N, C-alpha and C. Protein backbone atom coordinates (compact mmCIF):
# COMPACT_ATOMS: atom_id res chain seq x y z
N UNK A 1 0.87 -1.27 0.20
CA UNK A 1 -0.08 0.24 -0.09
C UNK A 1 1.29 1.06 0.31
N UNK A 2 0.24 1.93 -0.88
CA UNK A 2 0.88 3.47 -0.62
C UNK A 2 0.48 4.59 -0.16
N UNK A 3 -0.63 4.33 -0.15
CA UNK A 3 -1.99 5.19 0.50
C UNK A 3 -2.59 4.48 1.53
N UNK A 4 -3.05 5.32 2.49
CA UNK A 4 -4.57 4.31 3.38
C UNK A 4 -5.46 5.79 3.25
N UNK A 5 -6.58 5.56 2.64
CA UNK A 5 -7.70 6.75 2.20
C UNK A 5 -6.82 7.96 2.19
N UNK A 6 -6.04 7.53 0.83
CA UNK A 6 -5.75 8.86 0.22
C UNK A 6 -4.58 9.60 1.27
N UNK A 7 -4.27 8.93 2.34
CA UNK A 7 -2.93 9.70 3.28
C UNK A 7 -1.71 8.42 3.16
N UNK A 8 -0.58 9.53 2.59
CA UNK A 8 0.46 8.57 2.31
C UNK A 8 1.02 8.19 3.31
N UNK A 9 1.67 6.95 3.34
CA UNK A 9 2.16 6.33 4.04
C UNK A 9 3.56 7.15 4.99
N UNK A 10 4.36 8.17 3.81
CA UNK A 10 4.86 8.88 4.47
C UNK A 10 4.51 9.68 5.90
N UNK A 11 3.24 10.08 4.95
CA UNK A 11 2.64 11.15 6.05
C UNK A 11 2.30 10.56 7.18
N UNK A 12 1.57 9.11 7.19
CA UNK A 12 1.08 8.36 8.36
C UNK A 12 2.23 8.21 9.51
N UNK A 13 3.31 8.37 9.01
CA UNK A 13 4.61 7.87 9.57
C UNK A 13 4.82 9.07 10.51
N UNK A 14 5.23 10.24 10.28
CA UNK A 14 5.43 11.39 10.53
C UNK A 14 4.09 11.89 11.67
N UNK A 15 2.88 11.35 11.35
CA UNK A 15 2.01 11.72 12.01
C UNK A 15 2.13 11.00 13.26
N UNK A 16 2.57 9.43 13.46
CA UNK A 16 2.86 8.76 14.42
C UNK A 16 4.17 8.89 15.49
N UNK A 17 4.65 9.42 14.36
CA UNK A 17 6.06 10.11 14.90
C UNK A 17 5.76 11.42 16.19
N UNK A 18 4.45 12.10 15.99
CA UNK A 18 4.15 13.01 16.50
C UNK A 18 3.75 12.88 17.64
N UNK A 19 2.56 11.44 17.74
CA UNK A 19 2.04 11.22 18.34
C UNK A 19 2.78 10.36 19.73
N UNK A 20 3.83 10.07 19.12
CA UNK A 20 4.98 9.19 20.06
C UNK A 20 6.00 10.15 20.60
N UNK A 21 6.19 11.07 20.15
CA UNK A 21 7.25 12.07 20.18
C UNK A 21 6.81 13.23 21.25
N UNK A 22 6.04 13.69 20.81
CA UNK A 22 5.80 14.88 20.90
C UNK A 22 4.13 15.31 21.88
N UNK A 23 4.14 14.24 22.95
CA UNK A 23 2.76 13.95 23.41
C UNK A 23 2.97 14.91 24.49
N UNK A 24 2.24 15.99 25.48
CA UNK A 24 2.32 16.48 25.86
C UNK A 24 0.87 16.61 26.98
N UNK A 25 1.17 16.34 28.58
CA UNK A 25 -0.22 16.70 29.46
C UNK A 25 0.26 17.65 30.34
N UNK A 26 -0.96 18.12 30.94
CA UNK A 26 -1.20 18.74 32.19
C UNK A 26 -1.55 18.32 33.41
N UNK A 27 -1.07 18.23 34.44
CA UNK A 27 -1.35 18.19 36.12
C UNK A 27 -1.19 19.24 36.66
N UNK A 28 -2.43 19.11 37.34
CA UNK A 28 -2.54 20.24 38.20
C UNK A 28 -2.55 21.87 36.93
N UNK A 29 -1.28 22.64 37.91
CA UNK A 29 -0.70 23.67 36.85
C UNK A 29 0.24 23.74 36.25
N UNK A 30 0.73 22.65 35.60
CA UNK A 30 1.94 22.26 35.04
C UNK A 30 1.90 21.86 33.57
N UNK A 31 2.61 21.75 33.02
CA UNK A 31 2.55 20.97 31.70
C UNK A 31 3.94 20.39 31.51
N UNK A 32 3.46 18.89 31.36
CA UNK A 32 4.90 17.84 31.39
C UNK A 32 4.64 17.36 29.75
N UNK A 33 6.10 17.03 28.98
CA UNK A 33 6.45 16.64 28.07
C UNK A 33 6.30 15.12 28.39
N UNK A 34 5.69 14.03 28.20
CA UNK A 34 5.40 12.57 28.34
C UNK A 34 7.02 12.10 27.42
N UNK A 35 8.19 11.42 27.56
CA UNK A 35 9.11 10.82 26.84
C UNK A 35 9.13 9.48 26.98
N UNK A 36 8.32 8.74 27.33
CA UNK A 36 7.85 7.47 26.44
C UNK A 36 6.64 7.19 26.37
N UNK A 37 6.43 6.26 24.62
CA UNK A 37 4.62 6.16 24.80
C UNK A 37 3.56 7.01 24.22
N UNK A 38 2.77 7.20 24.21
CA UNK A 38 1.74 7.94 23.78
C UNK A 38 0.80 8.05 24.76
N UNK A 39 -0.08 8.40 24.42
CA UNK A 39 -1.13 9.17 25.62
C UNK A 39 -1.88 8.11 25.50
N UNK A 40 -2.48 7.56 26.58
CA UNK A 40 -2.90 6.50 27.31
C UNK A 40 -4.62 7.03 26.68
N UNK A 41 -5.26 6.08 26.48
CA UNK A 41 -6.84 6.43 25.80
C UNK A 41 -6.83 6.95 24.55
N UNK A 42 -5.60 7.15 24.06
CA UNK A 42 -5.93 7.87 22.54
C UNK A 42 -6.13 6.70 21.61
N UNK A 43 -7.04 7.27 20.96
CA UNK A 43 -7.25 5.80 19.80
C UNK A 43 -6.20 5.35 18.68
N UNK A 44 -5.39 6.00 18.27
CA UNK A 44 -4.38 6.16 17.54
C UNK A 44 -2.87 5.58 18.30
N UNK A 45 -3.06 5.60 19.87
CA UNK A 45 -2.12 5.23 20.64
C UNK A 45 -2.29 3.80 20.64
N UNK A 46 -3.43 3.36 20.68
CA UNK A 46 -3.72 2.28 21.09
C UNK A 46 -3.51 1.26 19.88
N UNK A 47 -3.56 2.00 18.76
CA UNK A 47 -3.60 1.10 17.19
C UNK A 47 -2.03 1.16 17.09
N UNK A 48 -1.20 1.96 17.42
CA UNK A 48 -0.21 1.59 17.49
C UNK A 48 0.67 0.79 18.22
N UNK A 49 -0.25 0.27 19.77
CA UNK A 49 0.36 -0.66 20.78
C UNK A 49 0.20 -1.77 20.26
N UNK A 50 -1.12 -1.95 19.73
CA UNK A 50 -1.62 -3.35 18.99
C UNK A 50 -0.66 -3.94 18.06
N UNK A 51 0.10 -2.93 17.50
CA UNK A 51 0.95 -3.14 16.02
C UNK A 51 2.05 -3.74 16.68
N UNK A 52 2.77 -2.85 18.08
CA UNK A 52 3.62 -2.78 18.42
C UNK A 52 3.86 -4.51 19.35
N UNK A 53 2.52 -4.36 19.69
CA UNK A 53 2.52 -5.83 20.94
C UNK A 53 2.58 -6.84 19.60
N UNK A 54 1.63 -6.91 18.39
CA UNK A 54 1.82 -7.82 17.82
C UNK A 54 3.35 -8.22 17.39
N UNK A 55 3.84 -7.78 16.98
CA UNK A 55 5.32 -7.85 16.76
C UNK A 55 6.31 -8.40 18.07
N UNK A 56 6.06 -7.61 18.83
CA UNK A 56 6.81 -8.27 19.81
C UNK A 56 6.27 -10.04 20.41
N UNK A 57 5.33 -9.89 20.09
CA UNK A 57 4.32 -11.40 20.99
C UNK A 57 4.70 -12.60 19.87
N UNK A 58 5.51 -12.40 18.57
CA UNK A 58 5.50 -13.49 17.44
C UNK A 58 6.11 -14.38 18.38
N UNK A 59 7.73 -14.25 18.59
CA UNK A 59 7.98 -15.81 19.47
C UNK A 59 7.47 -16.25 20.71
N UNK A 60 6.64 -15.78 21.32
CA UNK A 60 6.02 -16.22 22.46
C UNK A 60 4.55 -17.02 21.81
N UNK A 61 3.89 -16.37 20.50
CA UNK A 61 2.93 -17.42 19.86
C UNK A 61 3.62 -18.33 19.34
N UNK A 62 4.84 -17.97 18.75
CA UNK A 62 5.28 -19.62 18.24
C UNK A 62 5.49 -20.34 19.17
N UNK A 63 6.49 -20.46 19.88
CA UNK A 63 6.28 -21.32 21.13
C UNK A 63 5.40 -22.23 21.36
N UNK A 64 4.25 -21.22 21.82
CA UNK A 64 3.23 -21.57 22.38
C UNK A 64 1.96 -22.16 21.32
N UNK A 65 2.43 -21.90 19.93
CA UNK A 65 2.03 -23.14 18.92
C UNK A 65 2.45 -24.23 18.91
N UNK A 66 3.82 -24.37 18.87
CA UNK A 66 4.72 -25.56 18.86
C UNK A 66 4.00 -26.56 19.99
N UNK A 67 4.14 -26.30 20.76
CA UNK A 67 3.37 -27.57 22.02
C UNK A 67 1.90 -27.13 22.48
N UNK A 68 0.75 -26.97 21.42
CA UNK A 68 -0.24 -26.76 21.60
C UNK A 68 -1.11 -25.96 22.68
N UNK A 69 -0.12 -25.01 23.18
CA UNK A 69 -0.56 -24.25 24.40
C UNK A 69 -1.75 -23.17 23.43
N UNK A 70 -2.43 -22.42 24.63
CA UNK A 70 -3.10 -21.33 24.06
C UNK A 70 -2.42 -19.92 24.51
N UNK A 71 -3.02 -18.95 23.50
CA UNK A 71 -2.00 -17.79 24.18
C UNK A 71 -2.90 -16.62 23.60
N UNK A 72 -3.50 -15.72 24.39
CA UNK A 72 -4.28 -14.58 24.19
C UNK A 72 -3.82 -13.24 24.72
N UNK A 73 -4.16 -12.10 23.78
CA UNK A 73 -3.85 -10.61 23.93
C UNK A 73 -4.53 -10.12 23.79
N UNK A 74 -5.36 -9.38 25.02
CA UNK A 74 -6.09 -7.76 24.64
C UNK A 74 -5.36 -6.43 25.40
N UNK A 75 -5.19 -6.22 23.82
CA UNK A 75 -4.41 -4.57 24.38
C UNK A 75 -3.01 -5.19 25.31
N UNK A 76 -2.70 -4.76 26.29
CA UNK A 76 -1.16 -5.49 26.83
C UNK A 76 -1.14 -6.39 28.02
N UNK A 77 -2.74 -6.69 28.06
CA UNK A 77 -3.07 -8.01 28.79
C UNK A 77 -3.18 -9.43 28.10
N UNK A 78 -1.63 -10.23 28.14
CA UNK A 78 -1.56 -11.41 27.85
C UNK A 78 -2.30 -12.46 28.77
N UNK A 79 -2.86 -13.79 28.04
CA UNK A 79 -3.19 -14.70 28.91
C UNK A 79 -2.98 -16.47 28.19
N UNK A 80 -2.14 -17.14 28.69
CA UNK A 80 -1.37 -18.31 27.92
C UNK A 80 -1.18 -19.75 28.99
N UNK A 81 -1.38 -20.34 28.19
CA UNK A 81 -1.61 -21.81 29.32
C UNK A 81 -0.30 -21.92 29.07
N UNK A 82 0.41 -23.35 30.26
CA UNK A 82 1.29 -23.70 30.00
C UNK A 82 1.16 -25.22 30.95
N UNK A 83 1.75 -26.28 30.44
CA UNK A 83 2.15 -27.86 30.59
C UNK A 83 3.33 -28.09 31.21
N UNK A 84 4.57 -27.29 31.19
CA UNK A 84 5.70 -27.67 30.98
C UNK A 84 5.82 -27.36 32.45
N UNK A 85 7.13 -27.35 33.03
CA UNK A 85 7.90 -27.32 34.36
C UNK A 85 7.54 -25.49 34.88
N UNK A 86 7.50 -25.32 36.09
CA UNK A 86 7.97 -24.15 36.05
C UNK A 86 9.02 -23.49 35.83
N UNK A 87 10.12 -23.78 36.16
CA UNK A 87 11.27 -23.61 35.43
C UNK A 87 10.93 -23.49 34.32
N UNK A 88 10.64 -24.22 33.52
CA UNK A 88 10.77 -23.66 31.73
C UNK A 88 9.86 -22.60 31.53
N UNK A 89 9.00 -22.43 32.24
CA UNK A 89 8.25 -21.12 31.99
C UNK A 89 8.69 -19.76 32.77
N UNK A 90 9.66 -20.51 33.95
CA UNK A 90 10.29 -18.80 33.87
C UNK A 90 11.77 -18.30 33.62
N UNK A 91 12.26 -19.30 32.85
CA UNK A 91 13.25 -19.33 31.66
C UNK A 91 12.42 -18.48 30.28
N UNK A 92 11.32 -18.60 30.18
CA UNK A 92 10.24 -18.18 28.76
C UNK A 92 10.31 -16.58 29.42
N UNK A 93 9.49 -16.77 30.25
CA UNK A 93 9.53 -15.01 30.78
C UNK A 93 10.77 -14.59 31.29
N UNK A 94 11.35 -15.16 31.56
CA UNK A 94 12.59 -14.31 31.56
C UNK A 94 13.39 -13.67 30.26
N UNK A 95 13.57 -14.62 29.55
CA UNK A 95 13.63 -14.29 28.20
C UNK A 95 12.98 -13.54 27.58
N UNK A 96 11.46 -13.35 27.38
CA UNK A 96 10.52 -12.37 26.83
C UNK A 96 10.88 -11.28 27.50
N UNK A 97 11.21 -10.83 28.63
CA UNK A 97 11.09 -9.86 29.31
C UNK A 97 12.39 -9.09 28.90
N UNK A 98 13.36 -9.78 28.56
CA UNK A 98 14.47 -9.23 27.62
C UNK A 98 14.59 -8.35 26.46
N UNK A 99 13.17 -9.03 25.90
CA UNK A 99 12.81 -8.25 24.26
C UNK A 99 12.70 -6.78 23.97
N UNK A 100 12.09 -6.10 25.06
CA UNK A 100 11.67 -5.00 25.02
C UNK A 100 11.86 -4.21 26.80
N UNK A 101 13.00 -3.49 27.26
CA UNK A 101 12.61 -2.36 28.51
C UNK A 101 11.63 -2.10 29.08
N UNK A 102 10.14 -1.77 27.90
CA UNK A 102 9.46 -1.50 28.85
C UNK A 102 8.00 -2.25 28.87
N UNK A 103 8.22 -3.19 28.42
CA UNK A 103 7.25 -4.61 28.45
C UNK A 103 7.71 -5.71 29.63
N UNK A 104 7.35 -6.11 30.68
CA UNK A 104 7.74 -6.86 31.30
C UNK A 104 6.26 -8.00 31.53
N UNK A 105 6.49 -9.31 32.10
CA UNK A 105 5.78 -10.60 32.27
C UNK A 105 5.46 -10.69 33.73
């Protein structure tokens, strides 16, 4: 795709960058710049979070699929089954927790 509803992909990328990098909010009488992530509750931020999590979870989903386990996610909440040992689960979760510093299971 080169355009989405008439908007170029380049423009969409620039707008996404603004949403992530230039987010400000007011608390009390002060204005703050958010340095990580996007505005909570923003529909565009939700879309970006789903895209990000979809990429982030690929390795985990692949592992679950190999062993016939269940994996589900709603935004940033994860549900999964596990029938191997607790130690193997801890190893998997410890590994997954290194994939991105902002995501912890």
